[in-house]
Amino acid sequence: MEWKKLVELEDENLWRGTVFRFPATYPFEPVVDFMLFLDSASESGFSLVCTTGYKSGHHEGGLPLEARAKGKVQAISKTRLIENWTNWVYPETSVTEVQVSEGYTQEIGIIA
């Protein structure tokens, strides 16, 4: 998996399956991953799920309509997410500490 800082990412659109990794505190582990997924119950059509540790599988919240990317794409706006990270996602961590990956690699699920 390739990780980049969210604030340095070139692409404006964040797609389903995007993983955000950042420092966290209890009840999460010291580092946590949230994945962006499609969610018809969310205003924007997207929500976040925790994919690591004890809280793995927990729905962490839907993103508001304002999070949607511009145009006819099914994505979230990187700029709006950066501007609203502490309101929409996780207030305890600065957005400058957030790393992002396009998703988990297939090898993660392969049994040796």
N, C-alpha and C. Protein backbone atom coordinates (compact mmCIF):
# COMPACT_ATOMS: atom_id res chain seq x y z
N MET A 1 0.84 -1.18 0.00
CA MET A 1 0.00 0.00 0.00
C MET A 1 0.88 1.24 0.00
N GLU A 2 0.46 2.20 -0.77
CA GLU A 2 1.19 3.46 -0.82
C GLU A 2 0.41 4.51 -0.02
N TRP A 3 1.07 5.17 0.90
CA TRP A 3 0.45 6.18 1.75
C TRP A 3 0.99 7.56 1.39
N LYS A 4 0.09 8.53 1.33
CA LYS A 4 0.45 9.92 1.09
C LYS A 4 -0.29 10.77 2.12
N LYS A 5 0.26 11.94 2.41
CA LYS A 5 -0.45 12.85 3.31
C LYS A 5 -1.69 13.39 2.59
N LEU A 6 -2.80 13.39 3.28
CA LEU A 6 -4.05 13.89 2.69
C LEU A 6 -3.88 15.31 2.18
N VAL A 7 -3.22 16.16 2.94
CA VAL A 7 -3.08 17.56 2.55
C VAL A 7 -2.16 17.75 1.34
N GLU A 8 -1.39 16.73 0.96
CA GLU A 8 -0.49 16.82 -0.19
C GLU A 8 -1.00 16.04 -1.40
N LEU A 9 -2.14 15.40 -1.27
CA LEU A 9 -2.70 14.59 -2.35
C LEU A 9 -3.07 15.48 -3.53
N GLU A 10 -2.72 15.06 -4.74
CA GLU A 10 -3.00 15.86 -5.93
C GLU A 10 -4.44 15.74 -6.39
N ASP A 11 -4.99 14.55 -6.36
CA ASP A 11 -6.36 14.32 -6.84
C ASP A 11 -7.36 15.01 -5.93
N GLU A 12 -8.31 15.72 -6.49
CA GLU A 12 -9.35 16.41 -5.71
C GLU A 12 -10.44 15.45 -5.26
N ASN A 13 -10.61 14.35 -5.98
CA ASN A 13 -11.69 13.42 -5.66
C ASN A 13 -11.18 12.24 -4.83
N LEU A 14 -11.95 11.91 -3.80
CA LEU A 14 -11.67 10.74 -2.96
C LEU A 14 -12.77 9.72 -3.22
N TRP A 15 -12.38 8.53 -3.62
CA TRP A 15 -13.32 7.52 -4.09
C TRP A 15 -13.61 6.49 -3.01
N ARG A 16 -14.69 5.73 -3.21
CA ARG A 16 -15.02 4.65 -2.27
C ARG A 16 -13.82 3.72 -2.16
N GLY A 17 -13.60 3.22 -0.97
CA GLY A 17 -12.45 2.36 -0.73
C GLY A 17 -11.22 3.10 -0.25
N THR A 18 -11.23 4.44 -0.34
CA THR A 18 -10.10 5.23 0.16
C THR A 18 -9.95 4.99 1.66
N VAL A 19 -8.70 4.80 2.10
CA VAL A 19 -8.43 4.55 3.52
C VAL A 19 -7.67 5.74 4.09
N PHE A 20 -8.14 6.19 5.25
CA PHE A 20 -7.50 7.29 5.98
C PHE A 20 -6.85 6.70 7.23
N ARG A 21 -5.57 6.98 7.43
CA ARG A 21 -4.83 6.48 8.60
C ARG A 21 -4.35 7.68 9.40
N PHE A 22 -4.60 7.64 10.71
CA PHE A 22 -4.23 8.79 11.54
C PHE A 22 -4.06 8.38 13.00
N PRO A 23 -3.30 9.18 13.77
CA PRO A 23 -3.15 8.93 15.20
C PRO A 23 -4.50 9.12 15.90
N ALA A 24 -4.77 8.27 16.87
CA ALA A 24 -6.05 8.33 17.58
C ALA A 24 -5.85 8.08 19.07
N THR A 25 -6.92 8.21 19.81
CA THR A 25 -6.90 7.95 21.24
C THR A 25 -8.03 6.98 21.58
N TYR A 26 -8.07 6.54 22.83
CA TYR A 26 -9.11 5.64 23.30
C TYR A 26 -10.48 6.18 22.90
N PRO A 27 -11.38 5.35 22.40
CA PRO A 27 -11.39 3.89 22.42
C PRO A 27 -10.71 3.24 21.21
N PHE A 28 -10.03 4.03 20.39
CA PHE A 28 -9.28 3.49 19.27
C PHE A 28 -7.87 3.14 19.72
N GLU A 29 -7.13 2.47 18.84
CA GLU A 29 -5.73 2.20 19.08
C GLU A 29 -4.93 3.48 18.79
N PRO A 30 -3.61 3.47 19.05
CA PRO A 30 -2.81 4.67 18.80
C PRO A 30 -2.82 5.13 17.34
N VAL A 31 -3.03 4.20 16.42
CA VAL A 31 -3.19 4.53 15.00
C VAL A 31 -4.42 3.78 14.50
N VAL A 32 -5.27 4.47 13.75
CA VAL A 32 -6.52 3.88 13.29
C VAL A 32 -6.71 4.12 11.80
N ASP A 33 -7.42 3.20 11.14
CA ASP A 33 -7.80 3.36 9.74
C ASP A 33 -9.31 3.49 9.64
N PHE A 34 -9.77 4.46 8.85
CA PHE A 34 -11.17 4.59 8.47
C PHE A 34 -11.24 4.43 6.96
N MET A 35 -12.25 3.71 6.48
CA MET A 35 -12.45 3.54 5.04
C MET A 35 -13.72 4.25 4.60
N LEU A 36 -13.62 4.91 3.45
CA LEU A 36 -14.76 5.58 2.83
C LEU A 36 -15.58 4.55 2.08
N PHE A 37 -16.89 4.50 2.37
CA PHE A 37 -17.74 3.54 1.66
C PHE A 37 -19.05 4.18 1.25
N LEU A 38 -19.67 3.59 0.23
CA LEU A 38 -20.97 4.06 -0.24
C LEU A 38 -22.03 3.74 0.80
N ASP A 39 -22.90 4.72 1.06
CA ASP A 39 -23.94 4.55 2.08
C ASP A 39 -25.16 5.36 1.67
N SER A 40 -26.19 4.69 1.20
CA SER A 40 -27.39 5.38 0.72
C SER A 40 -28.13 6.11 1.84
N ALA A 41 -27.85 5.78 3.10
CA ALA A 41 -28.50 6.45 4.22
C ALA A 41 -27.82 7.78 4.59
N SER A 42 -26.65 8.04 4.02
CA SER A 42 -25.91 9.26 4.30
C SER A 42 -26.31 10.35 3.31
N GLU A 43 -26.33 11.62 3.76
CA GLU A 43 -26.69 12.74 2.88
C GLU A 43 -25.82 12.79 1.63
N SER A 44 -24.54 12.54 1.79
CA SER A 44 -23.60 12.62 0.67
C SER A 44 -23.54 11.33 -0.14
N GLY A 45 -24.07 10.26 0.45
CA GLY A 45 -23.95 8.94 -0.17
C GLY A 45 -22.70 8.21 0.28
N PHE A 46 -21.96 8.81 1.23
CA PHE A 46 -20.72 8.22 1.74
C PHE A 46 -20.68 8.26 3.26
N SER A 47 -20.06 7.24 3.84
CA SER A 47 -19.82 7.18 5.28
C SER A 47 -18.43 6.63 5.51
N LEU A 48 -18.03 6.59 6.77
CA LEU A 48 -16.73 6.05 7.17
C LEU A 48 -16.94 4.88 8.11
N VAL A 49 -16.13 3.83 7.91
CA VAL A 49 -16.14 2.67 8.79
C VAL A 49 -14.72 2.45 9.30
N CYS A 50 -14.59 2.12 10.57
CA CYS A 50 -13.30 1.79 11.15
C CYS A 50 -12.90 0.40 10.64
N THR A 51 -11.65 0.25 10.21
CA THR A 51 -11.21 -1.03 9.67
C THR A 51 -10.05 -1.65 10.45
N THR A 52 -9.72 -1.07 11.60
CA THR A 52 -8.62 -1.61 12.40
C THR A 52 -9.00 -1.70 13.87
N GLY A 53 -8.37 -2.65 14.55
CA GLY A 53 -8.48 -2.74 16.00
C GLY A 53 -9.84 -3.13 16.54
N TYR A 54 -10.03 -2.81 17.81
CA TYR A 54 -11.23 -3.19 18.55
C TYR A 54 -12.50 -2.63 17.92
N LYS A 55 -12.45 -1.44 17.36
CA LYS A 55 -13.63 -0.79 16.77
C LYS A 55 -13.83 -1.17 15.30
N SER A 56 -13.04 -2.10 14.80
CA SER A 56 -13.15 -2.53 13.41
C SER A 56 -14.57 -2.94 13.09
N GLY A 57 -15.09 -2.42 11.98
CA GLY A 57 -16.45 -2.74 11.56
C GLY A 57 -17.49 -1.76 12.06
N HIS A 58 -17.11 -0.85 12.94
CA HIS A 58 -18.06 0.14 13.46
C HIS A 58 -18.23 1.28 12.47
N HIS A 59 -19.48 1.65 12.25
CA HIS A 59 -19.83 2.81 11.43
C HIS A 59 -19.43 4.05 12.21
N GLU A 60 -18.56 4.87 11.64
CA GLU A 60 -18.06 6.04 12.36
C GLU A 60 -18.77 7.32 11.99
N GLY A 61 -19.69 7.26 11.05
CA GLY A 61 -20.49 8.44 10.72
C GLY A 61 -20.62 8.68 9.24
N GLY A 62 -21.76 9.26 8.88
CA GLY A 62 -22.02 9.64 7.50
C GLY A 62 -21.47 11.03 7.22
N LEU A 63 -21.08 11.25 5.98
CA LEU A 63 -20.59 12.57 5.60
C LEU A 63 -21.75 13.40 5.04
N PRO A 64 -21.75 14.71 5.31
CA PRO A 64 -22.85 15.56 4.86
C PRO A 64 -22.81 15.82 3.36
N LEU A 65 -23.89 16.33 2.84
CA LEU A 65 -24.02 16.62 1.41
C LEU A 65 -22.88 17.51 0.92
N GLU A 66 -22.44 18.45 1.74
CA GLU A 66 -21.37 19.38 1.35
C GLU A 66 -20.05 18.67 1.07
N ALA A 67 -19.92 17.43 1.50
CA ALA A 67 -18.68 16.68 1.28
C ALA A 67 -18.56 16.17 -0.16
N ARG A 68 -19.67 16.14 -0.89
CA ARG A 68 -19.66 15.59 -2.25
C ARG A 68 -18.72 16.37 -3.17
N ALA A 69 -18.08 15.66 -4.06
CA ALA A 69 -17.22 16.27 -5.07
C ALA A 69 -18.08 16.98 -6.11
N LYS A 70 -17.50 17.96 -6.77
CA LYS A 70 -18.20 18.69 -7.83
C LYS A 70 -18.32 17.83 -9.07
N GLY A 71 -19.34 18.10 -9.87
CA GLY A 71 -19.51 17.39 -11.13
C GLY A 71 -20.30 16.12 -10.97
N LYS A 72 -20.32 15.36 -12.04
CA LYS A 72 -21.11 14.12 -12.07
C LYS A 72 -20.23 12.92 -11.73
N VAL A 73 -19.62 12.99 -10.57
CA VAL A 73 -18.79 11.89 -10.09
C VAL A 73 -19.31 11.44 -8.73
N GLN A 74 -19.11 10.19 -8.43
CA GLN A 74 -19.51 9.65 -7.13
C GLN A 74 -18.26 9.60 -6.26
N ALA A 75 -17.97 10.75 -5.63
CA ALA A 75 -16.75 10.90 -4.85
C ALA A 75 -16.94 11.98 -3.80
N ILE A 76 -15.97 12.08 -2.92
CA ILE A 76 -15.93 13.11 -1.88
C ILE A 76 -14.85 14.13 -2.26
N SER A 77 -15.09 15.39 -1.95
CA SER A 77 -14.13 16.45 -2.21
C SER A 77 -13.00 16.43 -1.19
N LYS A 78 -11.78 16.31 -1.69
CA LYS A 78 -10.61 16.35 -0.80
C LYS A 78 -10.54 17.69 -0.08
N THR A 79 -10.75 18.78 -0.80
CA THR A 79 -10.67 20.11 -0.21
C THR A 79 -11.67 20.30 0.92
N ARG A 80 -12.90 19.90 0.68
CA ARG A 80 -13.93 20.06 1.72
C ARG A 80 -13.65 19.16 2.92
N LEU A 81 -13.13 17.96 2.67
CA LEU A 81 -12.80 17.07 3.78
C LEU A 81 -11.67 17.65 4.62
N ILE A 82 -10.66 18.20 3.97
CA ILE A 82 -9.55 18.83 4.70
C ILE A 82 -10.06 19.99 5.55
N GLU A 83 -10.89 20.84 4.95
CA GLU A 83 -11.42 22.00 5.66
C GLU A 83 -12.29 21.62 6.85
N ASN A 84 -12.92 20.45 6.80
CA ASN A 84 -13.88 20.05 7.82
C ASN A 84 -13.49 18.79 8.59
N TRP A 85 -12.23 18.38 8.50
CA TRP A 85 -11.79 17.13 9.13
C TRP A 85 -12.21 17.04 10.59
N THR A 86 -11.94 18.10 11.37
CA THR A 86 -12.23 18.04 12.80
C THR A 86 -13.72 18.08 13.11
N ASN A 87 -14.53 18.56 12.19
CA ASN A 87 -15.99 18.57 12.37
C ASN A 87 -16.63 17.27 11.91
N TRP A 88 -16.17 16.74 10.81
CA TRP A 88 -16.83 15.60 10.18
C TRP A 88 -16.23 14.26 10.57
N VAL A 89 -14.94 14.22 10.87
CA VAL A 89 -14.28 12.93 11.02
C VAL A 89 -13.74 12.71 12.43
N TYR A 90 -12.68 13.43 12.80
CA TYR A 90 -12.02 13.13 14.08
C TYR A 90 -11.37 14.39 14.64
N PRO A 91 -12.00 15.03 15.62
CA PRO A 91 -11.51 16.31 16.14
C PRO A 91 -10.17 16.25 16.88
N GLU A 92 -9.78 15.09 17.38
CA GLU A 92 -8.56 14.99 18.18
C GLU A 92 -7.28 14.95 17.36
N THR A 93 -7.39 14.79 16.05
CA THR A 93 -6.21 14.70 15.20
C THR A 93 -6.24 15.78 14.13
N SER A 94 -5.14 16.50 13.99
CA SER A 94 -5.02 17.51 12.95
C SER A 94 -5.01 16.84 11.58
N VAL A 95 -5.65 17.47 10.62
CA VAL A 95 -5.70 16.91 9.27
C VAL A 95 -4.30 16.78 8.66
N THR A 96 -3.34 17.55 9.15
CA THR A 96 -1.97 17.44 8.63
C THR A 96 -1.31 16.12 8.98
N GLU A 97 -1.88 15.38 9.94
CA GLU A 97 -1.34 14.09 10.35
C GLU A 97 -2.01 12.91 9.64
N VAL A 98 -2.99 13.19 8.80
CA VAL A 98 -3.76 12.13 8.15
C VAL A 98 -3.05 11.66 6.89
N GLN A 99 -2.90 10.33 6.79
CA GLN A 99 -2.36 9.72 5.58
C GLN A 99 -3.50 9.03 4.84
N VAL A 100 -3.35 8.89 3.54
CA VAL A 100 -4.41 8.31 2.74
C VAL A 100 -3.83 7.31 1.74
N SER A 101 -4.62 6.27 1.47
CA SER A 101 -4.26 5.25 0.48
C SER A 101 -5.50 4.98 -0.36
N GLU A 102 -5.29 4.58 -1.59
CA GLU A 102 -6.43 4.30 -2.48
C GLU A 102 -7.22 3.08 -2.05
N GLY A 103 -6.74 2.34 -1.10
CA GLY A 103 -7.45 1.16 -0.61
C GLY A 103 -6.46 0.10 -0.20
N TYR A 104 -6.97 -0.94 0.41
CA TYR A 104 -6.12 -2.05 0.82
C TYR A 104 -5.73 -2.88 -0.40
N THR A 105 -4.50 -3.39 -0.37
CA THR A 105 -4.04 -4.23 -1.47
C THR A 105 -4.64 -5.62 -1.35
N GLN A 106 -4.70 -6.32 -2.44
CA GLN A 106 -5.27 -7.66 -2.46
C GLN A 106 -4.50 -8.61 -1.55
N GLU A 107 -3.20 -8.38 -1.42
CA GLU A 107 -2.36 -9.27 -0.62
C GLU A 107 -2.80 -9.34 0.85
N ILE A 108 -3.46 -8.31 1.34
CA ILE A 108 -3.88 -8.29 2.74
C ILE A 108 -4.81 -9.47 3.03
N GLY A 109 -5.63 -9.84 2.06
CA GLY A 109 -6.59 -10.92 2.29
C GLY A 109 -6.11 -12.30 1.88
N ILE A 110 -4.90 -12.41 1.35
CA ILE A 110 -4.39 -13.70 0.89
C ILE A 110 -3.88 -14.52 2.07
N ILE A 111 -4.28 -15.77 2.11
CA ILE A 111 -3.81 -16.68 3.15
C ILE A 111 -2.52 -17.34 2.67
N ALA A 112 -1.51 -17.31 3.51
CA ALA A 112 -0.20 -17.88 3.13
C ALA A 112 -0.25 -19.38 3.10
